[in-house]
Amino acid sequence: MAFVFTDSNFQESALAGGVSVVDFWAEWCGPCRLIGPIIEDLAKEYDGKATIGKVNVDDNPEVSLKYGVRSIPTILIIKDGEVVDKQVGVTTKATLAAKIAAHL
């Protein structure tokens, strides 16, 4: 299951080191619902290799604002505390997997 990032746990969960994949989403967002199952699949496949999860922009405005998320879905790939890649909008599982693999 995908990790649930929040304003309160983001620092220690996403920025602590290693690779994190963060899907910024909202319940009302249609394209986010298309990406959701892909994020869940990737969370299973990369368990133990990367922290893959989601942050609800409606419930966690601080993280969304800090990273300048203006459109959703936005997916950030963070390595050792720095954003190393970004995907805005719907994409394929293969594309995301390739982006993750490039930073492991």
PDB file of N, CA and C in Angstrom:
ATOM      1  N   MET A   1       0.842  -1.180   0.000  1.00  0.00           N
ATOM      2  CA  MET A   1       0.000   0.000   0.000  1.00  0.00           C
ATOM      3  C   MET A   1       0.888   1.245   0.000  1.00  0.00           C
ATOM      4  N   ALA A   2       0.448   2.251  -0.723  1.00  0.00           N
ATOM      5  CA  ALA A   2       1.209   3.496  -0.816  1.00  0.00           C
ATOM      6  C   ALA A   2       1.240   4.200   0.539  1.00  0.00           C
ATOM      7  N   PHE A   3       2.375   4.808   0.841  1.00  0.00           N
ATOM      8  CA  PHE A   3       2.558   5.560   2.065  1.00  0.00           C
ATOM      9  C   PHE A   3       1.689   6.820   2.020  1.00  0.00           C
ATOM     10  N   VAL A   4       1.211   7.268   3.165  1.00  0.00           N
ATOM     11  CA  VAL A   4       0.417   8.503   3.227  1.00  0.00           C
ATOM     12  C   VAL A   4       1.307   9.600   3.800  1.00  0.00           C
ATOM     13  N   PHE A   5       1.738  10.503   2.920  1.00  0.00           N
ATOM     14  CA  PHE A   5       2.532  11.651   3.345  1.00  0.00           C
ATOM     15  C   PHE A   5       1.589  12.746   3.837  1.00  0.00           C
ATOM     16  N   THR A   6       2.020  13.474   4.865  1.00  0.00           N
ATOM     17  CA  THR A   6       1.242  14.592   5.399  1.00  0.00           C
ATOM     18  C   THR A   6       2.185  15.770   5.668  1.00  0.00           C
ATOM     19  N   ASP A   7       1.580  16.926   5.967  1.00  0.00           N
ATOM     20  CA  ASP A   7       2.404  18.074   6.350  1.00  0.00           C
ATOM     21  C   ASP A   7       3.293  17.735   7.532  1.00  0.00           C
ATOM     22  N   SER A   8       2.765  16.962   8.476  1.00  0.00           N
ATOM     23  CA  SER A   8       3.509  16.688   9.708  1.00  0.00           C
ATOM     24  C   SER A   8       4.573  15.598   9.564  1.00  0.00           C
ATOM     25  N   ASN A   9       4.428  14.659   8.618  1.00  0.00           N
ATOM     26  CA  ASN A   9       5.419  13.582   8.511  1.00  0.00           C
ATOM     27  C   ASN A   9       6.321  13.704   7.285  1.00  0.00           C
ATOM     28  N   PHE A  10       6.120  14.727   6.468  1.00  0.00           N
ATOM     29  CA  PHE A  10       6.837  14.818   5.196  1.00  0.00           C
ATOM     30  C   PHE A  10       8.349  14.901   5.380  1.00  0.00           C
ATOM     31  N   GLN A  11       8.784  15.742   6.303  1.00  0.00           N
ATOM     32  CA  GLN A  11      10.227  15.940   6.521  1.00  0.00           C
ATOM     33  C   GLN A  11      10.929  14.620   6.820  1.00  0.00           C
ATOM     34  N   GLU A  12      10.429  13.881   7.783  1.00  0.00           N
ATOM     35  CA  GLU A  12      11.103  12.641   8.166  1.00  0.00           C
ATOM     36  C   GLU A  12      10.815  11.476   7.222  1.00  0.00           C
ATOM     37  N   SER A  13       9.711  11.534   6.491  1.00  0.00           N
ATOM     38  CA  SER A  13       9.343  10.417   5.624  1.00  0.00           C
ATOM     39  C   SER A  13       9.868  10.543   4.197  1.00  0.00           C
ATOM     40  N   ALA A  14       9.788  11.731   3.629  1.00  0.00           N
ATOM     41  CA  ALA A  14      10.166  11.906   2.226  1.00  0.00           C
ATOM     42  C   ALA A  14      11.570  12.456   2.044  1.00  0.00           C
ATOM     43  N   LEU A  15      12.061  13.196   3.039  1.00  0.00           N
ATOM     44  CA  LEU A  15      13.331  13.895   2.864  1.00  0.00           C
ATOM     45  C   LEU A  15      14.489  13.290   3.638  1.00  0.00           C
ATOM     46  N   ALA A  16      14.232  12.214   4.354  1.00  0.00           N
ATOM     47  CA  ALA A  16      15.230  11.644   5.257  1.00  0.00           C
ATOM     48  C   ALA A  16      16.400  10.984   4.536  1.00  0.00           C
ATOM     49  N   GLY A  17      16.250  10.639   3.305  1.00  0.00           N
ATOM     50  CA  GLY A  17      17.317   9.969   2.561  1.00  0.00           C
ATOM     51  C   GLY A  17      16.742   8.887   1.683  1.00  0.00           C
ATOM     52  N   GLY A  18      17.521   8.420   0.756  1.00  0.00           N
ATOM     53  CA  GLY A  18      17.028   7.435  -0.196  1.00  0.00           C
ATOM     54  C   GLY A  18      16.120   8.083  -1.217  1.00  0.00           C
ATOM     55  N   VAL A  19      15.304   7.269  -1.879  1.00  0.00           N
ATOM     56  CA  VAL A  19      14.410   7.752  -2.933  1.00  0.00           C
ATOM     57  C   VAL A  19      12.971   7.714  -2.445  1.00  0.00           C
ATOM     58  N   SER A  20      12.266   8.838  -2.644  1.00  0.00           N
ATOM     59  CA  SER A  20      10.837   8.917  -2.340  1.00  0.00           C
ATOM     60  C   SER A  20      10.104   9.369  -3.588  1.00  0.00           C
ATOM     61  N   VAL A  21       8.935   8.799  -3.803  1.00  0.00           N
ATOM     62  CA  VAL A  21       8.074   9.195  -4.908  1.00  0.00           C
ATOM     63  C   VAL A  21       6.783   9.697  -4.283  1.00  0.00           C
ATOM     64  N   VAL A  22       6.456  10.961  -4.561  1.00  0.00           N
ATOM     65  CA  VAL A  22       5.324  11.601  -3.904  1.00  0.00           C
ATOM     66  C   VAL A  22       4.303  12.026  -4.944  1.00  0.00           C
ATOM     67  N   ASP A  23       3.110  11.455  -4.849  1.00  0.00           N
ATOM     68  CA  ASP A  23       1.992  11.782  -5.734  1.00  0.00           C
ATOM     69  C   ASP A  23       1.105  12.802  -5.031  1.00  0.00           C
ATOM     70  N   PHE A  24       1.059  14.027  -5.560  1.00  0.00           N
ATOM     71  CA  PHE A  24       0.164  15.059  -5.039  1.00  0.00           C
ATOM     72  C   PHE A  24      -1.175  14.892  -5.750  1.00  0.00           C
ATOM     73  N   TRP A  25      -2.246  14.716  -4.972  1.00  0.00           N
ATOM     74  CA  TRP A  25      -3.555  14.378  -5.539  1.00  0.00           C
ATOM     75  C   TRP A  25      -4.672  14.986  -4.692  1.00  0.00           C
ATOM     76  N   ALA A  26      -5.909  14.826  -5.202  1.00  0.00           N
ATOM     77  CA  ALA A  26      -7.114  15.202  -4.450  1.00  0.00           C
ATOM     78  C   ALA A  26      -8.243  14.261  -4.863  1.00  0.00           C
ATOM     79  N   GLU A  27      -9.178  14.067  -3.953  1.00  0.00           N
ATOM     80  CA  GLU A  27     -10.292  13.153  -4.222  1.00  0.00           C
ATOM     81  C   GLU A  27     -11.135  13.582  -5.413  1.00  0.00           C
ATOM     82  N   TRP A  28     -11.288  14.873  -5.624  1.00  0.00           N
ATOM     83  CA  TRP A  28     -12.144  15.390  -6.687  1.00  0.00           C
ATOM     84  C   TRP A  28     -11.472  15.401  -8.058  1.00  0.00           C
ATOM     85  N   CYS A  29     -10.203  15.022  -8.126  1.00  0.00           N
ATOM     86  CA  CYS A  29      -9.412  15.106  -9.358  1.00  0.00           C
ATOM     87  C   CYS A  29      -9.531  13.820 -10.180  1.00  0.00           C
ATOM     88  N   GLY A  30     -10.164  13.916 -11.338  1.00  0.00           N
ATOM     89  CA  GLY A  30     -10.334  12.760 -12.223  1.00  0.00           C
ATOM     90  C   GLY A  30      -9.015  12.134 -12.659  1.00  0.00           C
ATOM     91  N   PRO A  31      -8.082  12.922 -13.209  1.00  0.00           N
ATOM     92  CA  PRO A  31      -6.798  12.338 -13.622  1.00  0.00           C
ATOM     93  C   PRO A  31      -6.038  11.691 -12.458  1.00  0.00           C
ATOM     94  N   CYS A  32      -6.232  12.213 -11.245  1.00  0.00           N
ATOM     95  CA  CYS A  32      -5.575  11.619 -10.074  1.00  0.00           C
ATOM     96  C   CYS A  32      -6.072  10.197  -9.841  1.00  0.00           C
ATOM     97  N   ARG A  33      -7.341   9.961 -10.139  1.00  0.00           N
ATOM     98  CA  ARG A  33      -7.899   8.623  -9.967  1.00  0.00           C
ATOM     99  C   ARG A  33      -7.297   7.635 -10.959  1.00  0.00           C
ATOM    100  N   LEU A  34      -6.825   8.143 -12.096  1.00  0.00           N
ATOM    101  CA  LEU A  34      -6.158   7.269 -13.070  1.00  0.00           C
ATOM    102  C   LEU A  34      -4.754   6.887 -12.598  1.00  0.00           C
ATOM    103  N   ILE A  35      -4.081   7.809 -11.948  1.00  0.00           N
ATOM    104  CA  ILE A  35      -2.714   7.575 -11.462  1.00  0.00           C
ATOM    105  C   ILE A  35      -2.707   6.740 -10.181  1.00  0.00           C
ATOM    106  N   GLY A  36      -3.750   6.844  -9.373  1.00  0.00           N
ATOM    107  CA  GLY A  36      -3.812   6.156  -8.084  1.00  0.00           C
ATOM    108  C   GLY A  36      -3.427   4.688  -8.117  1.00  0.00           C
ATOM    109  N   PRO A  37      -4.047   3.874  -8.985  1.00  0.00           N
ATOM    110  CA  PRO A  37      -3.688   2.451  -9.024  1.00  0.00           C
ATOM    111  C   PRO A  37      -2.235   2.211  -9.456  1.00  0.00           C
ATOM    112  N   ILE A  38      -1.700   3.094 -10.291  1.00  0.00           N
ATOM    113  CA  ILE A  38      -0.308   2.967 -10.721  1.00  0.00           C
ATOM    114  C   ILE A  38       0.620   3.194  -9.523  1.00  0.00           C
ATOM    115  N   ILE A  39       0.314   4.196  -8.714  1.00  0.00           N
ATOM    116  CA  ILE A  39       1.116   4.485  -7.524  1.00  0.00           C
ATOM    117  C   ILE A  39       1.057   3.301  -6.558  1.00  0.00           C
ATOM    118  N   GLU A  40      -0.119   2.726  -6.389  1.00  0.00           N
ATOM    119  CA  GLU A  40      -0.266   1.548  -5.510  1.00  0.00           C
ATOM    120  C   GLU A  40       0.583   0.380  -6.015  1.00  0.00           C
ATOM    121  N   ASP A  41       0.546   0.120  -7.323  1.00  0.00           N
ATOM    122  CA  ASP A  41       1.350  -0.965  -7.901  1.00  0.00           C
ATOM    123  C   ASP A  41       2.839  -0.718  -7.701  1.00  0.00           C
ATOM    124  N   LEU A  42       3.274   0.512  -7.961  1.00  0.00           N
ATOM    125  CA  LEU A  42       4.690   0.842  -7.811  1.00  0.00           C
ATOM    126  C   LEU A  42       5.134   0.735  -6.354  1.00  0.00           C
ATOM    127  N   ALA A  43       4.242   1.096  -5.425  1.00  0.00           N
ATOM    128  CA  ALA A  43       4.571   0.983  -3.997  1.00  0.00           C
ATOM    129  C   ALA A  43       4.870  -0.470  -3.634  1.00  0.00           C
ATOM    130  N   LYS A  44       4.114  -1.408  -4.196  1.00  0.00           N
ATOM    131  CA  LYS A  44       4.354  -2.827  -3.945  1.00  0.00           C
ATOM    132  C   LYS A  44       5.658  -3.281  -4.592  1.00  0.00           C
ATOM    133  N   GLU A  45       5.859  -2.883  -5.851  1.00  0.00           N
ATOM    134  CA  GLU A  45       7.028  -3.326  -6.606  1.00  0.00           C
ATOM    135  C   GLU A  45       8.342  -2.786  -6.034  1.00  0.00           C
ATOM    136  N   TYR A  46       8.319  -1.572  -5.510  1.00  0.00           N
ATOM    137  CA  TYR A  46       9.543  -0.948  -5.006  1.00  0.00           C
ATOM    138  C   TYR A  46       9.623  -0.964  -3.485  1.00  0.00           C
ATOM    139  N   ASP A  47       8.829  -1.809  -2.845  1.00  0.00           N
ATOM    140  CA  ASP A  47       8.860  -1.921  -1.388  1.00  0.00           C
ATOM    141  C   ASP A  47      10.268  -2.292  -0.932  1.00  0.00           C
ATOM    142  N   GLY A  48      10.805  -1.510  -0.016  1.00  0.00           N
ATOM    143  CA  GLY A  48      12.150  -1.748   0.473  1.00  0.00           C
ATOM    144  C   GLY A  48      13.223  -1.039  -0.329  1.00  0.00           C
ATOM    145  N   LYS A  49      12.884  -0.525  -1.513  1.00  0.00           N
ATOM    146  CA  LYS A  49      13.856   0.169  -2.362  1.00  0.00           C
ATOM    147  C   LYS A  49      13.598   1.670  -2.406  1.00  0.00           C
ATOM    148  N   ALA A  50      12.315   2.052  -2.308  1.00  0.00           N
ATOM    149  CA  ALA A  50      11.918   3.463  -2.364  1.00  0.00           C
ATOM    150  C   ALA A  50      10.637   3.627  -1.552  1.00  0.00           C
ATOM    151  N   THR A  51      10.435   4.837  -1.027  1.00  0.00           N
ATOM    152  CA  THR A  51       9.191   5.153  -0.329  1.00  0.00           C
ATOM    153  C   THR A  51       8.259   5.790  -1.348  1.00  0.00           C
ATOM    154  N   ILE A  52       7.173   5.109  -1.648  1.00  0.00           N
ATOM    155  CA  ILE A  52       6.237   5.604  -2.653  1.00  0.00           C
ATOM    156  C   ILE A  52       4.890   5.844  -1.990  1.00  0.00           C
ATOM    157  N   GLY A  53       4.386   7.062  -2.158  1.00  0.00           N
ATOM    158  CA  GLY A  53       3.131   7.391  -1.511  1.00  0.00           C
ATOM    159  C   GLY A  53       2.453   8.609  -2.084  1.00  0.00           C
ATOM    160  N   LYS A  54       1.431   9.045  -1.358  1.00  0.00           N
ATOM    161  CA  LYS A  54       0.566  10.110  -1.831  1.00  0.00           C
ATOM    162  C   LYS A  54       0.387  11.173  -0.756  1.00  0.00           C
ATOM    163  N   VAL A  55       0.157  12.399  -1.214  1.00  0.00           N
ATOM    164  CA  VAL A  55      -0.180  13.483  -0.295  1.00  0.00           C
ATOM    165  C   VAL A  55      -1.428  14.176  -0.848  1.00  0.00           C
ATOM    166  N   ASN A  56      -2.453  14.220  -0.029  1.00  0.00           N
ATOM    167  CA  ASN A  56      -3.706  14.866  -0.422  1.00  0.00           C
ATOM    168  C   ASN A  56      -3.516  16.378  -0.288  1.00  0.00           C
ATOM    169  N   VAL A  57      -3.602  17.091  -1.413  1.00  0.00           N
ATOM    170  CA  VAL A  57      -3.325  18.538  -1.404  1.00  0.00           C
ATOM    171  C   VAL A  57      -4.357  19.321  -0.608  1.00  0.00           C
ATOM    172  N   ASP A  58      -5.585  18.826  -0.529  1.00  0.00           N
ATOM    173  CA  ASP A  58      -6.628  19.519   0.228  1.00  0.00           C
ATOM    174  C   ASP A  58      -6.374  19.444   1.735  1.00  0.00           C
ATOM    175  N   ASP A  59      -5.817  18.327   2.189  1.00  0.00           N
ATOM    176  CA  ASP A  59      -5.574  18.117   3.614  1.00  0.00           C
ATOM    177  C   ASP A  59      -4.184  18.567   4.063  1.00  0.00           C
ATOM    178  N   ASN A  60      -3.286  18.793   3.112  1.00  0.00           N
ATOM    179  CA  ASN A  60      -1.889  19.105   3.436  1.00  0.00           C
ATOM    180  C   ASN A  60      -1.370  20.274   2.588  1.00  0.00           C
ATOM    181  N   PRO A  61      -1.880  21.463   2.841  1.00  0.00           N
ATOM    182  CA  PRO A  61      -1.512  22.611   1.998  1.00  0.00           C
ATOM    183  C   PRO A  61      -0.062  23.076   2.149  1.00  0.00           C
ATOM    184  N   GLU A  62       0.570  22.827   3.302  1.00  0.00           N
ATOM    185  CA  GLU A  62       1.940  23.312   3.518  1.00  0.00           C
ATOM    186  C   GLU A  62       2.932  22.656   2.564  1.00  0.00           C
ATOM    187  N   VAL A  63       2.879  21.342   2.449  1.00  0.00           N
ATOM    188  CA  VAL A  63       3.796  20.625   1.563  1.00  0.00           C
ATOM    189  C   VAL A  63       3.521  21.013   0.112  1.00  0.00           C
ATOM    190  N   SER A  64       2.259  21.097  -0.247  1.00  0.00           N
ATOM    191  CA  SER A  64       1.894  21.465  -1.620  1.00  0.00           C
ATOM    192  C   SER A  64       2.433  22.841  -1.974  1.00  0.00           C
ATOM    193  N   LEU A  65       2.294  23.788  -1.069  1.00  0.00           N
ATOM    194  CA  LEU A  65       2.777  25.148  -1.282  1.00  0.00           C
ATOM    195  C   LEU A  65       4.307  25.178  -1.352  1.00  0.00           C
ATOM    196  N   LYS A  66       4.957  24.457  -0.453  1.00  0.00           N
ATOM    197  CA  LYS A  66       6.423  24.436  -0.409  1.00  0.00           C
ATOM    198  C   LYS A  66       7.024  23.973  -1.730  1.00  0.00           C
ATOM    199  N   TYR A  67       6.379  22.999  -2.374  1.00  0.00           N
ATOM    200  CA  TYR A  67       6.906  22.445  -3.618  1.00  0.00           C
ATOM    201  C   TYR A  67       6.246  23.038  -4.868  1.00  0.00           C
ATOM    202  N   GLY A  68       5.452  24.092  -4.692  1.00  0.00           N
ATOM    203  CA  GLY A  68       4.878  24.807  -5.826  1.00  0.00           C
ATOM    204  C   GLY A  68       3.930  23.984  -6.672  1.00  0.00           C
ATOM    205  N   VAL A  69       3.195  23.073  -6.036  1.00  0.00           N
ATOM    206  CA  VAL A  69       2.263  22.225  -6.778  1.00  0.00           C
ATOM    207  C   VAL A  69       1.037  23.057  -7.150  1.00  0.00           C
ATOM    208  N   ARG A  70       0.870  23.280  -8.457  1.00  0.00           N
ATOM    209  CA  ARG A  70      -0.249  24.084  -8.957  1.00  0.00           C
ATOM    210  C   ARG A  70      -1.239  23.258  -9.760  1.00  0.00           C
ATOM    211  N   SER A  71      -0.773  22.141 -10.295  1.00  0.00           N
ATOM    212  CA  SER A  71      -1.621  21.236 -11.061  1.00  0.00           C
ATOM    213  C   SER A  71      -1.484  19.849 -10.465  1.00  0.00           C
ATOM    214  N   ILE A  72      -2.582  19.119 -10.466  1.00  0.00           N
ATOM    215  CA  ILE A  72      -2.517  17.740  -9.983  1.00  0.00           C
ATOM    216  C   ILE A  72      -3.105  16.817 -11.040  1.00  0.00           C
ATOM    217  N   PRO A  73      -2.626  15.607 -11.137  1.00  0.00           N
ATOM    218  CA  PRO A  73      -1.575  15.031 -10.315  1.00  0.00           C
ATOM    219  C   PRO A  73      -0.190  15.585 -10.663  1.00  0.00           C
ATOM    220  N   THR A  74       0.605  15.789  -9.641  1.00  0.00           N
ATOM    221  CA  THR A  74       2.034  16.093  -9.780  1.00  0.00           C
ATOM    222  C   THR A  74       2.779  15.042  -8.978  1.00  0.00           C
ATOM    223  N   ILE A  75       3.768  14.445  -9.609  1.00  0.00           N
ATOM    224  CA  ILE A  75       4.560  13.415  -8.944  1.00  0.00           C
ATOM    225  C   ILE A  75       6.005  13.894  -8.869  1.00  0.00           C
ATOM    226  N   LEU A  76       6.524  13.957  -7.657  1.00  0.00           N
ATOM    227  CA  LEU A  76       7.912  14.348  -7.438  1.00  0.00           C
ATOM    228  C   LEU A  76       8.733  13.127  -7.072  1.00  0.00           C
ATOM    229  N   ILE A  77       9.922  13.041  -7.642  1.00  0.00           N
ATOM    230  CA  ILE A  77      10.873  12.017  -7.233  1.00  0.00           C
ATOM    231  C   ILE A  77      11.957  12.753  -6.461  1.00  0.00           C
ATOM    232  N   ILE A  78      12.120  12.362  -5.208  1.00  0.00           N
ATOM    233  CA  ILE A  78      13.044  13.024  -4.294  1.00  0.00           C
ATOM    234  C   ILE A  78      14.134  12.033  -3.916  1.00  0.00           C
ATOM    235  N   LYS A  79      15.383  12.465  -4.062  1.00  0.00           N
ATOM    236  CA  LYS A  79      16.514  11.611  -3.675  1.00  0.00           C
ATOM    237  C   LYS A  79      17.373  12.386  -2.695  1.00  0.00           C
ATOM    238  N   ASP A  80      17.599  11.785  -1.554  1.00  0.00           N
ATOM    239  CA  ASP A  80      18.418  12.398  -0.502  1.00  0.00           C
ATOM    240  C   ASP A  80      17.976  13.828  -0.198  1.00  0.00           C
ATOM    241  N   GLY A  81      16.666  14.053  -0.161  1.00  0.00           N
ATOM    242  CA  GLY A  81      16.111  15.335   0.233  1.00  0.00           C
ATOM    243  C   GLY A  81      15.949  16.360  -0.872  1.00  0.00           C
ATOM    244  N   GLU A  82      16.386  16.048  -2.093  1.00  0.00           N
ATOM    245  CA  GLU A  82      16.293  16.990  -3.217  1.00  0.00           C
ATOM    246  C   GLU A  82      15.391  16.441  -4.308  1.00  0.00           C
ATOM    247  N   VAL A  83      14.570  17.311  -4.900  1.00  0.00           N
ATOM    248  CA  VAL A  83      13.727  16.902  -6.032  1.00  0.00           C
ATOM    249  C   VAL A  83      14.639  16.667  -7.235  1.00  0.00           C
ATOM    250  N   VAL A  84      14.602  15.450  -7.770  1.00  0.00           N
ATOM    251  CA  VAL A  84      15.456  15.103  -8.903  1.00  0.00           C
ATOM    252  C   VAL A  84      14.667  14.878 -10.187  1.00  0.00           C
ATOM    253  N   ASP A  85      13.340  14.747 -10.081  1.00  0.00           N
ATOM    254  CA  ASP A  85      12.494  14.578 -11.263  1.00  0.00           C
ATOM    255  C   ASP A  85      11.071  14.951 -10.894  1.00  0.00           C
ATOM    256  N   LYS A  86      10.292  15.304 -11.925  1.00  0.00           N
ATOM    257  CA  LYS A  86       8.925  15.752 -11.713  1.00  0.00           C
ATOM    258  C   LYS A  86       8.073  15.330 -12.901  1.00  0.00           C
ATOM    259  N   GLN A  87       6.861  14.876 -12.611  1.00  0.00           N
ATOM    260  CA  GLN A  87       5.901  14.506 -13.647  1.00  0.00           C
ATOM    261  C   GLN A  87       4.587  15.206 -13.327  1.00  0.00           C
ATOM    262  N   VAL A  88       4.101  16.027 -14.248  1.00  0.00           N
ATOM    263  CA  VAL A  88       2.820  16.691 -14.060  1.00  0.00           C
ATOM    264  C   VAL A  88       1.833  16.093 -15.045  1.00  0.00           C
ATOM    265  N   GLY A  89       0.679  15.666 -14.542  1.00  0.00           N
ATOM    266  CA  GLY A  89      -0.349  15.071 -15.387  1.00  0.00           C
ATOM    267  C   GLY A  89      -0.247  13.559 -15.428  1.00  0.00           C
ATOM    268  N   VAL A  90      -1.183  12.971 -16.147  1.00  0.00           N
ATOM    269  CA  VAL A  90      -1.279  11.517 -16.245  1.00  0.00           C
ATOM    270  C   VAL A  90      -0.123  10.975 -17.085  1.00  0.00           C
ATOM    271  N   THR A  91       0.411   9.862 -16.656  1.00  0.00           N
ATOM    272  CA  THR A  91       1.477   9.182 -17.392  1.00  0.00           C
ATOM    273  C   THR A  91       1.301   7.678 -17.220  1.00  0.00           C
ATOM    274  N   THR A  92       2.181   6.926 -17.819  1.00  0.00           N
ATOM    275  CA  THR A  92       2.077   5.465 -17.738  1.00  0.00           C
ATOM    276  C   THR A  92       2.916   4.913 -16.592  1.00  0.00           C
ATOM    277  N   LYS A  93       2.612   3.709 -16.205  1.00  0.00           N
ATOM    278  CA  LYS A  93       3.382   3.026 -15.168  1.00  0.00           C
ATOM    279  C   LYS A  93       4.821   2.825 -15.628  1.00  0.00           C
ATOM    280  N   ALA A  94       5.007   2.476 -16.895  1.00  0.00           N
ATOM    281  CA  ALA A  94       6.354   2.246 -17.427  1.00  0.00           C
ATOM    282  C   ALA A  94       7.197   3.512 -17.348  1.00  0.00           C
ATOM    283  N   THR A  95       6.605   4.659 -17.644  1.00  0.00           N
ATOM    284  CA  THR A  95       7.334   5.922 -17.597  1.00  0.00           C
ATOM    285  C   THR A  95       7.771   6.225 -16.175  1.00  0.00           C
ATOM    286  N   LEU A  96       6.857   6.067 -15.222  1.00  0.00           N
ATOM    287  CA  LEU A  96       7.203   6.317 -13.822  1.00  0.00           C
ATOM    288  C   LEU A  96       8.253   5.332 -13.317  1.00  0.00           C
ATOM    289  N   ALA A  97       8.109   4.070 -13.683  1.00  0.00           N
ATOM    290  CA  ALA A  97       9.074   3.041 -13.252  1.00  0.00           C
ATOM    291  C   ALA A  97      10.463   3.381 -13.772  1.00  0.00           C
ATOM    292  N   ALA A  98      10.567   3.849 -15.010  1.00  0.00           N
ATOM    293  CA  ALA A  98      11.858   4.217 -15.578  1.00  0.00           C
ATOM    294  C   ALA A  98      12.469   5.402 -14.842  1.00  0.00           C
ATOM    295  N   LYS A  99      11.627   6.378 -14.487  1.00  0.00           N
ATOM    296  CA  LYS A  99      12.116   7.546 -13.747  1.00  0.00           C
ATOM    297  C   LYS A  99      12.610   7.142 -12.360  1.00  0.00           C
ATOM    298  N   ILE A 100      11.882   6.246 -11.711  1.00  0.00           N
ATOM    299  CA  ILE A 100      12.296   5.774 -10.383  1.00  0.00           C
ATOM    300  C   ILE A 100      13.606   4.996 -10.487  1.00  0.00           C
ATOM    301  N   ALA A 101      13.668   4.071 -11.429  1.00  0.00           N
ATOM    302  CA  ALA A 101      14.857   3.224 -11.594  1.00  0.00           C
ATOM    303  C   ALA A 101      16.112   4.055 -11.868  1.00  0.00           C
ATOM    304  N   ALA A 102      15.944   5.178 -12.548  1.00  0.00           N
ATOM    305  CA  ALA A 102      17.094   6.036 -12.881  1.00  0.00           C
ATOM    306  C   ALA A 102      17.729   6.651 -11.639  1.00  0.00           C
ATOM    307  N   HIS A 103      16.996   6.681 -10.531  1.00  0.00           N
ATOM    308  CA  HIS A 103      17.508   7.328  -9.317  1.00  0.00           C
ATOM    309  C   HIS A 103      17.790   6.367  -8.160  1.00  0.00           C
ATOM    310  N   LEU A 104      17.607   5.087  -8.403  1.00  0.00           N
ATOM    311  CA  LEU A 104      17.901   4.099  -7.349  1.00  0.00           C
ATOM    312  C   LEU A 104      19.383   3.787  -7.301  1.00  0.00           C
TER     313      LEU A 104
END
